[in-house]
Amino acid sequence: MVTLHPNIIEKSGKKEFVVISYDEFLLIQEELASFEDLKELRKAKRKEANLPGLPLAAVRKKIKVRGKRQK
């Protein structure tokens, strides 16, 4: 969660503008980009939810890649 420290500018007694630091602005941009990425991921997952899939072991065998040994 981003903590903001806004400065509110009033015009004729009404809240008109909000000013934040540049660092806070960058954090908000980053959070919004992450949120948009998450929305796109969820959309893609819903779209492909009913498609058939293969277990990872089957894919590795098909493309002839060995998995890492687990200890």
PDB file of N, CA and C in Angstrom:
ATOM      1  N   MET A   1       0.844  -1.172   0.000  1.00  0.00           N
ATOM      2  CA  MET A   1       0.000   0.000   0.000  1.00  0.00           C
ATOM      3  C   MET A   1       0.896   1.243   0.000  1.00  0.00           C
ATOM      4  N   VAL A   2       0.579   2.159  -0.862  1.00  0.00           N
ATOM      5  CA  VAL A   2       1.345   3.396  -0.983  1.00  0.00           C
ATOM      6  C   VAL A   2       0.777   4.419  -0.012  1.00  0.00           C
ATOM      7  N   THR A   3       1.649   5.018   0.768  1.00  0.00           N
ATOM      8  CA  THR A   3       1.223   6.092   1.665  1.00  0.00           C
ATOM      9  C   THR A   3       1.463   7.419   0.962  1.00  0.00           C
ATOM     10  N   LEU A   4       0.409   8.190   0.830  1.00  0.00           N
ATOM     11  CA  LEU A   4       0.502   9.474   0.137  1.00  0.00           C
ATOM     12  C   LEU A   4       0.483  10.630   1.122  1.00  0.00           C
ATOM     13  N   HIS A   5       1.113  11.703   0.726  1.00  0.00           N
ATOM     14  CA  HIS A   5       1.140  12.936   1.507  1.00  0.00           C
ATOM     15  C   HIS A   5       0.693  14.081   0.591  1.00  0.00           C
ATOM     16  N   PRO A   6      -0.613  14.112   0.279  1.00  0.00           N
ATOM     17  CA  PRO A   6      -1.095  15.109  -0.684  1.00  0.00           C
ATOM     18  C   PRO A   6      -1.198  16.506  -0.082  1.00  0.00           C
ATOM     19  N   ASN A   7      -1.003  17.478  -0.924  1.00  0.00           N
ATOM     20  CA  ASN A   7      -1.270  18.870  -0.574  1.00  0.00           C
ATOM     21  C   ASN A   7      -2.474  19.290  -1.416  1.00  0.00           C
ATOM     22  N   ILE A   8      -3.509  19.731  -0.751  1.00  0.00           N
ATOM     23  CA  ILE A   8      -4.746  20.095  -1.439  1.00  0.00           C
ATOM     24  C   ILE A   8      -4.799  21.602  -1.628  1.00  0.00           C
ATOM     25  N   ILE A   9      -5.073  21.991  -2.850  1.00  0.00           N
ATOM     26  CA  ILE A   9      -5.175  23.415  -3.184  1.00  0.00           C
ATOM     27  C   ILE A   9      -6.641  23.739  -3.420  1.00  0.00           C
ATOM     28  N   GLU A  10      -7.094  24.765  -2.730  1.00  0.00           N
ATOM     29  CA  GLU A  10      -8.493  25.162  -2.872  1.00  0.00           C
ATOM     30  C   GLU A  10      -8.616  26.404  -3.741  1.00  0.00           C
ATOM     31  N   LYS A  11      -9.750  26.492  -4.405  1.00  0.00           N
ATOM     32  CA  LYS A  11     -10.065  27.645  -5.234  1.00  0.00           C
ATOM     33  C   LYS A  11     -11.499  28.035  -4.902  1.00  0.00           C
ATOM     34  N   SER A  12     -11.666  29.250  -4.443  1.00  0.00           N
ATOM     35  CA  SER A  12     -12.989  29.741  -4.027  1.00  0.00           C
ATOM     36  C   SER A  12     -13.613  28.837  -2.969  1.00  0.00           C
ATOM     37  N   GLY A  13     -12.786  28.346  -2.049  1.00  0.00           N
ATOM     38  CA  GLY A  13     -13.275  27.528  -0.949  1.00  0.00           C
ATOM     39  C   GLY A  13     -13.567  26.079  -1.316  1.00  0.00           C
ATOM     40  N   LYS A  14     -13.328  25.688  -2.551  1.00  0.00           N
ATOM     41  CA  LYS A  14     -13.558  24.309  -2.986  1.00  0.00           C
ATOM     42  C   LYS A  14     -12.230  23.632  -3.284  1.00  0.00           C
ATOM     43  N   LYS A  15     -12.140  22.354  -2.939  1.00  0.00           N
ATOM     44  CA  LYS A  15     -10.930  21.590  -3.260  1.00  0.00           C
ATOM     45  C   LYS A  15     -10.828  21.483  -4.773  1.00  0.00           C
ATOM     46  N   GLU A  16      -9.726  21.956  -5.321  1.00  0.00           N
ATOM     47  CA  GLU A  16      -9.584  22.044  -6.767  1.00  0.00           C
ATOM     48  C   GLU A  16      -8.452  21.162  -7.311  1.00  0.00           C
ATOM     49  N   PHE A  17      -7.325  21.109  -6.599  1.00  0.00           N
ATOM     50  CA  PHE A  17      -6.163  20.372  -7.090  1.00  0.00           C
ATOM     51  C   PHE A  17      -5.493  19.617  -5.946  1.00  0.00           C
ATOM     52  N   VAL A  18      -4.776  18.571  -6.330  1.00  0.00           N
ATOM     53  CA  VAL A  18      -3.965  17.824  -5.366  1.00  0.00           C
ATOM     54  C   VAL A  18      -2.546  17.780  -5.902  1.00  0.00           C
ATOM     55  N   VAL A  19      -1.590  18.074  -5.028  1.00  0.00           N
ATOM     56  CA  VAL A  19      -0.179  18.039  -5.392  1.00  0.00           C
ATOM     57  C   VAL A  19       0.484  16.967  -4.533  1.00  0.00           C
ATOM     58  N   ILE A  20       1.247  16.085  -5.206  1.00  0.00           N
ATOM     59  CA  ILE A  20       2.010  15.064  -4.491  1.00  0.00           C
ATOM     60  C   ILE A  20       3.462  15.153  -4.930  1.00  0.00           C
ATOM     61  N   SER A  21       4.326  14.534  -4.150  1.00  0.00           N
ATOM     62  CA  SER A  21       5.744  14.549  -4.519  1.00  0.00           C
ATOM     63  C   SER A  21       5.959  13.707  -5.771  1.00  0.00           C
ATOM     64  N   TYR A  22       7.045  13.966  -6.446  1.00  0.00           N
ATOM     65  CA  TYR A  22       7.362  13.217  -7.664  1.00  0.00           C
ATOM     66  C   TYR A  22       7.569  11.738  -7.347  1.00  0.00           C
ATOM     67  N   ASP A  23       8.212  11.451  -6.219  1.00  0.00           N
ATOM     68  CA  ASP A  23       8.414  10.050  -5.826  1.00  0.00           C
ATOM     69  C   ASP A  23       7.082   9.336  -5.615  1.00  0.00           C
ATOM     70  N   GLU A  24       6.132  10.005  -4.976  1.00  0.00           N
ATOM     71  CA  GLU A  24       4.812   9.412  -4.783  1.00  0.00           C
ATOM     72  C   GLU A  24       4.104   9.219  -6.120  1.00  0.00           C
ATOM     73  N   PHE A  25       4.269  10.163  -7.020  1.00  0.00           N
ATOM     74  CA  PHE A  25       3.698  10.044  -8.359  1.00  0.00           C
ATOM     75  C   PHE A  25       4.237   8.801  -9.067  1.00  0.00           C
ATOM     76  N   LEU A  26       5.567   8.589  -8.985  1.00  0.00           N
ATOM     77  CA  LEU A  26       6.175   7.417  -9.612  1.00  0.00           C
ATOM     78  C   LEU A  26       5.651   6.123  -8.990  1.00  0.00           C
ATOM     79  N   LEU A  27       5.482   6.111  -7.678  1.00  0.00           N
ATOM     80  CA  LEU A  27       4.934   4.933  -7.007  1.00  0.00           C
ATOM     81  C   LEU A  27       3.519   4.637  -7.486  1.00  0.00           C
ATOM     82  N   ILE A  28       2.715   5.670  -7.633  1.00  0.00           N
ATOM     83  CA  ILE A  28       1.343   5.491  -8.124  1.00  0.00           C
ATOM     84  C   ILE A  28       1.359   4.943  -9.543  1.00  0.00           C
ATOM     85  N   GLN A  29       2.218   5.478 -10.390  1.00  0.00           N
ATOM     86  CA  GLN A  29       2.332   4.979 -11.764  1.00  0.00           C
ATOM     87  C   GLN A  29       2.704   3.496 -11.775  1.00  0.00           C
ATOM     88  N   GLU A  30       3.646   3.122 -10.932  1.00  0.00           N
ATOM     89  CA  GLU A  30       4.085   1.731 -10.860  1.00  0.00           C
ATOM     90  C   GLU A  30       2.949   0.828 -10.383  1.00  0.00           C
ATOM     91  N   GLU A  31       2.227   1.276  -9.365  1.00  0.00           N
ATOM     92  CA  GLU A  31       1.094   0.498  -8.850  1.00  0.00           C
ATOM     93  C   GLU A  31       0.009   0.339  -9.908  1.00  0.00           C
ATOM     94  N   LEU A  32      -0.272   1.404 -10.637  1.00  0.00           N
ATOM     95  CA  LEU A  32      -1.287   1.336 -11.693  1.00  0.00           C
ATOM     96  C   LEU A  32      -0.862   0.387 -12.813  1.00  0.00           C
ATOM     97  N   ALA A  33       0.398   0.426 -13.170  1.00  0.00           N
ATOM     98  CA  ALA A  33       0.897  -0.480 -14.206  1.00  0.00           C
ATOM     99  C   ALA A  33       0.771  -1.927 -13.739  1.00  0.00           C
ATOM    100  N   SER A  34       1.116  -2.187 -12.485  1.00  0.00           N
ATOM    101  CA  SER A  34       0.993  -3.542 -11.939  1.00  0.00           C
ATOM    102  C   SER A  34      -0.467  -3.988 -11.927  1.00  0.00           C
ATOM    103  N   PHE A  35      -1.344  -3.075 -11.568  1.00  0.00           N
ATOM    104  CA  PHE A  35      -2.776  -3.386 -11.537  1.00  0.00           C
ATOM    105  C   PHE A  35      -3.290  -3.708 -12.941  1.00  0.00           C
ATOM    106  N   GLU A  36      -2.865  -2.934 -13.928  1.00  0.00           N
ATOM    107  CA  GLU A  36      -3.283  -3.190 -15.309  1.00  0.00           C
ATOM    108  C   GLU A  36      -2.757  -4.537 -15.786  1.00  0.00           C
ATOM    109  N   ASP A  37      -1.508  -4.859 -15.437  1.00  0.00           N
ATOM    110  CA  ASP A  37      -0.939  -6.162 -15.791  1.00  0.00           C
ATOM    111  C   ASP A  37      -1.752  -7.293 -15.154  1.00  0.00           C
ATOM    112  N   LEU A  38      -2.124  -7.110 -13.889  1.00  0.00           N
ATOM    113  CA  LEU A  38      -2.911  -8.118 -13.186  1.00  0.00           C
ATOM    114  C   LEU A  38      -4.277  -8.310 -13.843  1.00  0.00           C
ATOM    115  N   LYS A  39      -4.912  -7.209 -14.242  1.00  0.00           N
ATOM    116  CA  LYS A  39      -6.204  -7.311 -14.918  1.00  0.00           C
ATOM    117  C   LYS A  39      -6.073  -8.084 -16.225  1.00  0.00           C
ATOM    118  N   GLU A  40      -5.027  -7.804 -17.007  1.00  0.00           N
ATOM    119  CA  GLU A  40      -4.802  -8.512 -18.269  1.00  0.00           C
ATOM    120  C   GLU A  40      -4.533  -9.996 -18.030  1.00  0.00           C
ATOM    121  N   LEU A  41      -3.746 -10.312 -17.004  1.00  0.00           N
ATOM    122  CA  LEU A  41      -3.465 -11.707 -16.671  1.00  0.00           C
ATOM    123  C   LEU A  41      -4.750 -12.441 -16.311  1.00  0.00           C
ATOM    124  N   ARG A  42      -5.569 -11.829 -15.469  1.00  0.00           N
ATOM    125  CA  ARG A  42      -6.837 -12.455 -15.075  1.00  0.00           C
ATOM    126  C   ARG A  42      -7.751 -12.652 -16.277  1.00  0.00           C
ATOM    127  N   LYS A  43      -7.770 -11.681 -17.175  1.00  0.00           N
ATOM    128  CA  LYS A  43      -8.592 -11.770 -18.387  1.00  0.00           C
ATOM    129  C   LYS A  43      -8.119 -12.953 -19.244  1.00  0.00           C
ATOM    130  N   ALA A  44      -6.807 -13.080 -19.419  1.00  0.00           N
ATOM    131  CA  ALA A  44      -6.250 -14.170 -20.218  1.00  0.00           C
ATOM    132  C   ALA A  44      -6.532 -15.519 -19.571  1.00  0.00           C
ATOM    133  N   LYS A  45      -6.435 -15.588 -18.244  1.00  0.00           N
ATOM    134  CA  LYS A  45      -6.702 -16.843 -17.547  1.00  0.00           C
ATOM    135  C   LYS A  45      -8.163 -17.250 -17.696  1.00  0.00           C
ATOM    136  N   ARG A  46      -9.072 -16.279 -17.613  1.00  0.00           N
ATOM    137  CA  ARG A  46     -10.499 -16.582 -17.801  1.00  0.00           C
ATOM    138  C   ARG A  46     -10.748 -17.091 -19.222  1.00  0.00           C
ATOM    139  N   LYS A  47     -10.106 -16.442 -20.186  1.00  0.00           N
ATOM    140  CA  LYS A  47     -10.290 -16.807 -21.588  1.00  0.00           C
ATOM    141  C   LYS A  47      -9.820 -18.233 -21.855  1.00  0.00           C
ATOM    142  N   GLU A  48      -8.756 -18.660 -21.182  1.00  0.00           N
ATOM    143  CA  GLU A  48      -8.168 -19.975 -21.423  1.00  0.00           C
ATOM    144  C   GLU A  48      -8.501 -21.004 -20.351  1.00  0.00           C
ATOM    145  N   ALA A  49      -9.435 -20.677 -19.461  1.00  0.00           N
ATOM    146  CA  ALA A  49      -9.737 -21.536 -18.316  1.00  0.00           C
ATOM    147  C   ALA A  49     -10.195 -22.933 -18.715  1.00  0.00           C
ATOM    148  N   ASN A  50     -10.920 -23.058 -19.796  1.00  0.00           N
ATOM    149  CA  ASN A  50     -11.471 -24.360 -20.176  1.00  0.00           C
ATOM    150  C   ASN A  50     -10.673 -25.085 -21.251  1.00  0.00           C
ATOM    151  N   LEU A  51      -9.531 -24.552 -21.608  1.00  0.00           N
ATOM    152  CA  LEU A  51      -8.695 -25.208 -22.615  1.00  0.00           C
ATOM    153  C   LEU A  51      -7.953 -26.381 -21.979  1.00  0.00           C
ATOM    154  N   PRO A  52      -7.709 -27.430 -22.761  1.00  0.00           N
ATOM    155  CA  PRO A  52      -6.965 -28.564 -22.202  1.00  0.00           C
ATOM    156  C   PRO A  52      -5.519 -28.174 -21.934  1.00  0.00           C
ATOM    157  N   GLY A  53      -4.933 -28.803 -20.959  1.00  0.00           N
ATOM    158  CA  GLY A  53      -3.551 -28.505 -20.616  1.00  0.00           C
ATOM    159  C   GLY A  53      -2.736 -29.783 -20.458  1.00  0.00           C
ATOM    160  N   LEU A  54      -1.440 -29.626 -20.271  1.00  0.00           N
ATOM    161  CA  LEU A  54      -0.536 -30.755 -20.046  1.00  0.00           C
ATOM    162  C   LEU A  54       0.224 -30.529 -18.742  1.00  0.00           C
ATOM    163  N   PRO A  55       0.456 -31.589 -17.990  1.00  0.00           N
ATOM    164  CA  PRO A  55       1.306 -31.451 -16.806  1.00  0.00           C
ATOM    165  C   PRO A  55       2.726 -31.070 -17.223  1.00  0.00           C
ATOM    166  N   LEU A  56       3.436 -30.391 -16.362  1.00  0.00           N
ATOM    167  CA  LEU A  56       4.791 -29.947 -16.666  1.00  0.00           C
ATOM    168  C   LEU A  56       5.696 -31.113 -17.036  1.00  0.00           C
ATOM    169  N   ALA A  57       5.548 -32.228 -16.354  1.00  0.00           N
ATOM    170  CA  ALA A  57       6.384 -33.397 -16.660  1.00  0.00           C
ATOM    171  C   ALA A  57       6.168 -33.862 -18.094  1.00  0.00           C
ATOM    172  N   ALA A  58       4.933 -33.816 -18.577  1.00  0.00           N
ATOM    173  CA  ALA A  58       4.641 -34.230 -19.951  1.00  0.00           C
ATOM    174  C   ALA A  58       5.253 -33.257 -20.955  1.00  0.00           C
ATOM    175  N   VAL A  59       5.217 -31.978 -20.635  1.00  0.00           N
ATOM    176  CA  VAL A  59       5.809 -30.973 -21.523  1.00  0.00           C
ATOM    177  C   VAL A  59       7.313 -31.159 -21.581  1.00  0.00           C
ATOM    178  N   ARG A  60       7.936 -31.379 -20.422  1.00  0.00           N
ATOM    179  CA  ARG A  60       9.385 -31.600 -20.397  1.00  0.00           C
ATOM    180  C   ARG A  60       9.775 -32.819 -21.226  1.00  0.00           C
ATOM    181  N   LYS A  61       8.988 -33.871 -21.096  1.00  0.00           N
ATOM    182  CA  LYS A  61       9.275 -35.093 -21.856  1.00  0.00           C
ATOM    183  C   LYS A  61       9.120 -34.827 -23.352  1.00  0.00           C
ATOM    184  N   LYS A  62       8.081 -34.102 -23.710  1.00  0.00           N
ATOM    185  CA  LYS A  62       7.807 -33.818 -25.117  1.00  0.00           C
ATOM    186  C   LYS A  62       8.924 -33.001 -25.764  1.00  0.00           C
ATOM    187  N   ILE A  63       9.453 -32.030 -25.029  1.00  0.00           N
ATOM    188  CA  ILE A  63      10.512 -31.190 -25.604  1.00  0.00           C
ATOM    189  C   ILE A  63      11.913 -31.642 -25.169  1.00  0.00           C
ATOM    190  N   LYS A  64      11.950 -32.783 -24.493  1.00  0.00           N
ATOM    191  CA  LYS A  64      13.210 -33.419 -24.087  1.00  0.00           C
ATOM    192  C   LYS A  64      14.071 -32.511 -23.192  1.00  0.00           C
ATOM    193  N   VAL A  65      13.449 -32.015 -22.126  1.00  0.00           N
ATOM    194  CA  VAL A  65      14.153 -31.192 -21.135  1.00  0.00           C
ATOM    195  C   VAL A  65      14.029 -31.897 -19.798  1.00  0.00           C
ATOM    196  N   ARG A  66      15.157 -32.025 -19.127  1.00  0.00           N
ATOM    197  CA  ARG A  66      15.148 -32.638 -17.800  1.00  0.00           C
ATOM    198  C   ARG A  66      14.770 -31.621 -16.744  1.00  0.00           C
ATOM    199  N   GLY A  67      14.060 -32.048 -15.755  1.00  0.00           N
ATOM    200  CA  GLY A  67      13.733 -31.198 -14.619  1.00  0.00           C
ATOM    201  C   GLY A  67      14.887 -31.169 -13.636  1.00  0.00           C
ATOM    202  N   LYS A  68      14.893 -30.191 -12.749  1.00  0.00           N
ATOM    203  CA  LYS A  68      15.918 -30.127 -11.708  1.00  0.00           C
ATOM    204  C   LYS A  68      15.660 -31.227 -10.699  1.00  0.00           C
ATOM    205  N   ARG A  69      16.746 -31.797 -10.197  1.00  0.00           N
ATOM    206  CA  ARG A  69      16.604 -32.798  -9.144  1.00  0.00           C
ATOM    207  C   ARG A  69      16.253 -32.097  -7.851  1.00  0.00           C
ATOM    208  N   GLN A  70      15.294 -32.654  -7.158  1.00  0.00           N
ATOM    209  CA  GLN A  70      14.916 -32.091  -5.867  1.00  0.00           C
ATOM    210  C   GLN A  70      15.624 -32.878  -4.778  1.00  0.00           C
ATOM    211  N   LYS A  71      16.059 -32.164  -3.760  1.00  0.00           N
ATOM    212  CA  LYS A  71      16.785 -32.793  -2.635  1.00  0.00           C
ATOM    213  C   LYS A  71      15.815 -33.230  -1.584  1.00  0.00           C
TER     214      LYS A  71
END
